[in-house]
Amino acid sequence: MQKTSKALLGLATAFVMSSALPNLAKADELTLCWAAWDPANALVELSKDFTAKTGTQMKFEFVPWTSYADRFLNELNSHGKLCDLIIGDSQWIGGSAENGHYVKLNDFFDKEGIKMDDFVPATVVGYSEWPKNTPNYWALPAMGDVVGWTYRKDWFEKPELQKEFKAKYGWDLAAPKTYDQLKQIAEFFQKREIDGKTVYGASIYTERGSEGITMGVTNVLYDWGFQYDNPKKPYDMEGFVARGITVACHPRQDGGPDRQTSRAARSAICQKTPYPNKTR
């Protein structure tokens, strides 16, 4: 059996090593803790190849998002032995590092040739480092809250719409490169009739509860320089908001997930954002 440290590298996603892991070189079985959702199910499938190559068996403890924080923070605070690996929230890194719940990974990274330069710098600071902006690593980024946009190529290629759009906005209808262009495209398609159906200009990820209520808004705020933290006091718990930014938000009013999916399918541009990230 290869060493467990090799096995961890083979999983190729971001994990935190829990201090519950007794001996990396001798572990024949590892338990990974995370939330119960589709990416976790995909990880189970990936683990089969990992087990075939290393001989290390994987077990999983997945809980609903609504119980995720309580379940695993209690596990950490009670010094439980359930989780060898955990995909935890970024907010846990500081407390878990200070209280001995997480294992510092610098030596492991050096030994296995894992270089933090291979990751997006912002994700390293947010999901790996403690203290922030120091070369002290406690995790690898699993998901970076990446936002992707898709657009209806079939609509964009309709000659009559291209002609009308060019006449109205003065540029060729194409995937937007700026927020101004995105806004114009959204306005152009909003409530338009295409192929006998009423369509919408844009579908932006959000939901009624959890972090998802802000996920469709904050990434735009950040692009315009929005800051939660006070740059002069990085750990100022009172909070800090940069001034001089005005953003108009238009929350969706459609009800359940079936209707949301339907609207997304009938939008010229659709924001594809994962469920609120819990892997930081």
Protein backbone atom coordinates (compact mmCIF):
# COMPACT_ATOMS: atom_id res chain seq x y z
CA MET A 1 0.00 0.00 0.00
CA GLN A 2 1.29 3.44 -0.88
CA LYS A 3 1.56 5.96 1.88
CA THR A 4 -1.60 7.77 2.85
CA SER A 5 0.09 11.07 2.06
CA LYS A 6 0.32 9.92 -1.55
CA ALA A 7 -3.29 8.90 -1.39
CA LEU A 8 -4.38 12.31 -0.24
CA LEU A 9 -2.59 13.92 -3.12
CA GLY A 10 -4.33 11.54 -5.51
CA LEU A 11 -7.76 12.72 -4.48
CA ALA A 12 -6.93 16.02 -6.15
CA THR A 13 -9.44 18.17 -4.29
CA ALA A 14 -9.04 20.41 -1.29
CA PHE A 15 -9.22 18.79 2.07
CA VAL A 16 -8.27 19.70 5.57
CA MET A 17 -6.45 17.02 7.52
CA SER A 18 -8.08 16.66 10.89
CA SER A 19 -5.92 16.22 13.96
CA ALA A 20 -7.94 13.03 14.49
CA LEU A 21 -5.84 11.33 11.79
CA PRO A 22 -3.54 9.15 13.92
CA ASN A 23 -0.74 8.04 11.60
CA LEU A 24 -0.62 8.97 7.94
CA ALA A 25 1.80 6.25 6.95
CA LYS A 26 -0.24 3.39 8.38
CA ALA A 27 -3.86 4.37 7.72
CA ASP A 28 -5.68 1.68 5.72
CA GLU A 29 -8.95 3.57 5.84
CA LEU A 30 -9.85 7.26 5.81
CA THR A 31 -13.12 9.00 6.57
CA LEU A 32 -13.94 12.22 4.77
CA CYS A 33 -16.62 14.56 6.13
CA TRP A 34 -18.61 16.99 4.05
CA ALA A 35 -22.12 18.10 3.17
CA ALA A 36 -24.63 15.89 1.36
CA TRP A 37 -24.96 17.20 -2.20
CA ASP A 38 -24.06 16.23 -5.76
CA PRO A 39 -20.35 17.20 -5.62
CA ALA A 40 -19.99 14.90 -2.62
CA ASN A 41 -21.56 12.06 -4.61
CA ALA A 42 -19.08 12.74 -7.41
CA LEU A 43 -16.26 12.53 -4.89
CA VAL A 44 -17.45 9.08 -3.86
CA GLU A 45 -17.14 7.94 -7.46
CA LEU A 46 -13.66 9.46 -7.81
CA SER A 47 -12.57 7.71 -4.65
CA LYS A 48 -13.03 4.32 -6.29
CA ASP A 49 -10.06 4.95 -8.59
CA PHE A 50 -8.13 6.30 -5.63
CA THR A 51 -8.76 3.12 -3.64
CA ALA A 52 -7.84 0.93 -6.61
CA LYS A 53 -4.48 2.70 -6.97
CA THR A 54 -3.53 3.02 -3.31
CA GLY A 55 -5.37 0.28 -1.41
CA THR A 56 -6.68 2.88 1.02
CA GLN A 57 -10.39 2.47 1.63
CA MET A 58 -12.54 5.59 1.83
CA LYS A 59 -15.52 6.12 4.07
CA PHE A 60 -17.75 9.17 3.96
CA GLU A 61 -19.84 11.09 6.44
CA PHE A 62 -22.18 13.44 4.61
CA VAL A 63 -24.86 15.52 6.34
CA PRO A 64 -27.46 17.98 5.00
CA TRP A 65 -26.33 21.57 4.59
CA THR A 66 -28.73 22.64 7.31
CA SER A 67 -26.84 20.47 9.80
CA TYR A 68 -23.37 20.80 8.30
CA ALA A 69 -21.90 23.52 10.51
CA ASP A 70 -23.37 22.28 13.78
CA ARG A 71 -22.43 18.67 13.10
CA PHE A 72 -18.80 19.16 12.18
CA LEU A 73 -17.99 22.10 14.42
CA ASN A 74 -19.22 20.00 17.31
CA GLU A 75 -17.03 17.17 16.06
CA LEU A 76 -13.99 19.44 15.99
CA ASN A 77 -14.66 21.15 19.31
CA SER A 78 -15.21 17.85 21.08
CA HIS A 79 -11.97 16.47 19.61
CA GLY A 80 -13.93 13.70 17.95
CA LYS A 81 -12.23 10.95 15.95
CA LEU A 82 -14.74 10.62 13.13
CA CYS A 83 -13.16 12.80 10.43
CA ASP A 84 -9.68 12.12 9.07
CA LEU A 85 -10.32 14.63 6.31
CA ILE A 86 -12.90 17.39 6.22
CA ILE A 87 -14.02 19.85 3.61
CA GLY A 88 -14.68 22.76 5.89
CA ASP A 89 -15.77 26.36 5.59
CA SER A 90 -13.11 29.04 5.24
CA GLN A 91 -14.32 30.70 8.42
CA TRP A 92 -13.20 27.63 10.37
CA ILE A 93 -9.52 27.82 9.44
CA GLY A 94 -8.41 30.36 12.02
CA GLY A 95 -10.13 28.80 15.00
CA SER A 96 -9.28 25.26 13.95
CA ALA A 97 -5.62 26.12 13.42
CA GLU A 98 -5.36 27.97 16.73
CA ASN A 99 -7.10 25.20 18.66
CA GLY A 100 -5.26 22.27 17.14
CA HIS A 101 -8.18 20.84 15.16
CA TYR A 102 -6.39 21.12 11.79
CA VAL A 103 -2.95 19.86 10.84
CA LYS A 104 -0.51 22.35 9.36
CA LEU A 105 0.35 21.09 5.89
CA ASN A 106 3.54 22.91 4.92
CA ASP A 107 5.83 19.92 5.45
CA PHE A 108 3.39 17.62 3.64
CA PHE A 109 3.17 20.02 0.69
CA ASP A 110 6.97 20.34 0.47
CA LYS A 111 7.45 16.58 0.60
CA GLU A 112 4.86 15.85 -2.06
CA GLY A 113 5.75 18.76 -4.34
CA ILE A 114 2.44 20.57 -3.90
CA LYS A 115 2.97 24.22 -4.83
CA MET A 116 0.52 26.92 -3.86
CA ASP A 117 1.47 28.85 -7.00
CA ASP A 118 -0.65 26.32 -8.89
CA PHE A 119 -3.79 27.79 -7.30
CA VAL A 120 -5.56 31.12 -7.81
CA PRO A 121 -3.91 33.46 -5.28
CA ALA A 122 -7.18 34.70 -3.79
CA THR A 123 -8.29 31.15 -3.05
CA VAL A 124 -5.02 30.39 -1.30
CA VAL A 125 -5.41 33.40 0.98
CA GLY A 126 -9.08 32.72 1.63
CA TYR A 127 -9.11 28.95 1.90
CA SER A 128 -5.61 27.85 2.89
CA GLU A 129 -3.71 30.40 4.94
CA TRP A 130 -3.66 31.22 8.61
CA PRO A 131 -2.81 33.85 9.58
CA LYS A 132 -3.94 35.42 6.32
CA ASN A 133 -1.22 36.56 3.93
CA THR A 134 1.40 34.34 5.55
CA PRO A 135 2.92 31.14 4.10
CA ASN A 136 1.21 28.92 6.67
CA TYR A 137 -1.10 26.42 4.99
CA TRP A 138 -3.86 24.41 6.64
CA ALA A 139 -5.90 23.32 3.62
CA LEU A 140 -6.13 23.28 -0.16
CA PRO A 141 -8.88 25.17 -2.02
CA ALA A 142 -11.58 22.74 -3.12
CA MET A 143 -13.91 25.19 -4.81
CA GLY A 144 -13.23 28.85 -5.40
CA ASP A 145 -16.77 30.19 -5.73
CA VAL A 146 -16.13 30.48 -9.45
CA VAL A 147 -18.95 32.13 -11.37
CA GLY A 148 -19.60 31.01 -14.92
CA TRP A 149 -22.07 32.48 -17.39
CA THR A 150 -23.78 30.70 -20.25
CA TYR A 151 -25.71 32.29 -23.08
CA ARG A 152 -28.24 31.16 -25.69
CA LYS A 153 -26.11 30.86 -28.79
CA ASP A 154 -29.14 29.94 -30.88
CA TRP A 155 -30.85 33.21 -29.94
CA PHE A 156 -27.73 35.29 -30.47
CA GLU A 157 -27.38 33.89 -33.99
CA LYS A 158 -30.89 34.79 -35.17
CA PRO A 159 -30.34 37.33 -38.01
CA GLU A 160 -33.42 39.39 -37.17
CA LEU A 161 -32.34 39.77 -33.55
CA GLN A 162 -28.77 40.60 -34.53
CA LYS A 163 -30.03 43.35 -36.83
CA GLU A 164 -32.40 44.81 -34.25
CA PHE A 165 -29.80 44.69 -31.50
CA LYS A 166 -27.10 46.37 -33.64
CA ALA A 167 -29.50 49.15 -34.58
CA LYS A 168 -30.44 49.76 -30.94
CA TYR A 169 -27.07 49.47 -29.18
CA GLY A 170 -24.51 50.02 -31.93
CA TRP A 171 -22.50 46.82 -31.44
CA ASP A 172 -22.82 43.23 -32.63
CA LEU A 173 -24.85 40.88 -30.46
CA ALA A 174 -22.30 38.61 -28.80
CA ALA A 175 -21.26 37.29 -25.42
CA PRO A 176 -20.80 40.33 -23.16
CA LYS A 177 -17.36 41.47 -22.05
CA THR A 178 -18.51 44.14 -19.60
CA TYR A 179 -21.35 44.60 -17.16
CA ASP A 180 -22.72 47.39 -19.36
CA GLN A 181 -22.95 44.96 -22.26
CA LEU A 182 -24.55 42.31 -20.07
CA LYS A 183 -27.16 44.82 -18.93
CA GLN A 184 -27.96 45.81 -22.51
CA ILE A 185 -28.36 42.19 -23.59
CA ALA A 186 -30.58 41.46 -20.59
CA GLU A 187 -32.77 44.46 -21.38
CA PHE A 188 -32.96 43.49 -25.04
CA PHE A 189 -34.23 39.96 -24.36
CA GLN A 190 -36.38 40.68 -21.32
CA LYS A 191 -39.99 39.51 -21.89
CA ARG A 192 -39.30 39.06 -25.60
CA GLU A 193 -41.22 36.43 -27.55
CA ILE A 194 -38.92 33.83 -29.15
CA ASP A 195 -40.12 30.63 -30.78
CA GLY A 196 -43.56 31.15 -29.27
CA LYS A 197 -42.31 31.52 -25.69
CA THR A 198 -41.77 34.50 -23.43
CA VAL A 199 -38.10 34.68 -22.50
CA TYR A 200 -36.02 36.61 -20.00
CA GLY A 201 -32.88 38.67 -20.17
CA ALA A 202 -30.78 37.13 -17.44
CA SER A 203 -31.00 34.51 -14.75
CA ILE A 204 -28.85 35.23 -11.69
CA TYR A 205 -28.24 32.67 -9.00
CA THR A 206 -29.96 33.30 -5.69
CA GLU A 207 -32.31 31.63 -3.24
CA ARG A 208 -34.57 32.59 -0.38
CA GLY A 209 -32.26 31.46 2.40
CA SER A 210 -28.69 30.55 3.30
CA GLU A 211 -25.74 32.32 1.70
CA GLY A 212 -27.42 31.96 -1.67
CA ILE A 213 -29.50 35.06 -1.02
CA THR A 214 -26.35 37.12 -1.58
CA MET A 215 -24.39 34.95 -4.01
CA GLY A 216 -25.86 36.61 -7.11
CA VAL A 217 -24.96 40.05 -5.81
CA THR A 218 -21.66 39.97 -3.95
CA ASN A 219 -19.50 38.87 -6.87
CA VAL A 220 -20.61 41.99 -8.75
CA LEU A 221 -19.97 44.15 -5.69
CA TYR A 222 -16.46 42.78 -5.38
CA ASP A 223 -15.74 43.56 -9.02
CA TRP A 224 -16.52 47.20 -8.26
CA GLY A 225 -14.21 47.31 -5.25
CA PHE A 226 -16.59 46.40 -2.45
CA GLN A 227 -14.88 45.38 0.79
CA TYR A 228 -16.28 43.82 3.94
CA ASP A 229 -13.08 44.12 5.89
CA ASN A 230 -11.25 47.20 7.07
CA PRO A 231 -7.87 47.21 5.29
CA LYS A 232 -6.33 49.01 8.28
CA LYS A 233 -7.71 46.43 10.71
CA PRO A 234 -7.84 43.03 8.95
CA TYR A 235 -9.59 41.27 11.83
CA ASP A 236 -11.90 44.09 12.86
CA MET A 237 -15.01 42.15 13.86
CA GLU A 238 -17.21 45.23 13.69
CA GLY A 239 -17.06 45.02 9.92
CA PHE A 240 -16.20 47.55 7.24
CA VAL A 241 -17.86 48.54 3.96
CA ALA A 242 -16.14 50.63 1.34
CA ARG A 243 -18.13 53.73 0.49
CA GLY A 244 -19.13 55.22 -2.83
CA ILE A 245 -20.70 52.13 -4.42
CA THR A 246 -24.29 52.04 -5.59
CA VAL A 247 -25.76 48.82 -6.93
CA ALA A 248 -29.33 48.21 -8.00
CA CYS A 249 -30.59 44.72 -7.23
CA HIS A 250 -33.62 43.09 -8.78
CA PRO A 251 -34.34 39.85 -6.84
CA ARG A 252 -36.20 37.12 -8.63
CA GLN A 253 -39.77 36.54 -7.61
CA ASP A 254 -40.34 33.08 -9.06
CA GLY A 255 -41.26 30.45 -6.51
CA GLY A 256 -39.92 26.93 -6.19
CA PRO A 257 -37.00 25.22 -7.88
CA ASP A 258 -39.04 23.93 -10.82
CA ARG A 259 -40.01 27.43 -11.81
CA GLN A 260 -36.49 28.71 -11.25
CA THR A 261 -35.07 26.03 -13.51
CA SER A 262 -37.67 26.87 -16.14
CA ARG A 263 -36.84 30.54 -16.04
CA ALA A 264 -33.11 29.86 -16.23
CA ALA A 265 -33.70 27.75 -19.33
CA ARG A 266 -35.58 30.66 -20.87
CA SER A 267 -32.97 33.33 -20.15
CA ALA A 268 -30.60 34.81 -22.69
CA ILE A 269 -27.76 34.75 -20.16
CA CYS A 270 -27.64 32.51 -17.12
CA GLN A 271 -25.30 32.71 -14.17
CA LYS A 272 -24.03 29.26 -13.20
CA THR A 273 -22.91 29.38 -9.57
CA PRO A 274 -22.49 26.33 -7.35
CA TYR A 275 -24.50 25.99 -4.19
CA PRO A 276 -23.04 28.29 -1.53
CA ASN A 277 -19.51 27.18 -1.13
CA LYS A 278 -18.68 25.14 1.97
CA THR A 279 -15.24 24.06 0.93
CA ARG A 280 -13.20 27.04 1.85
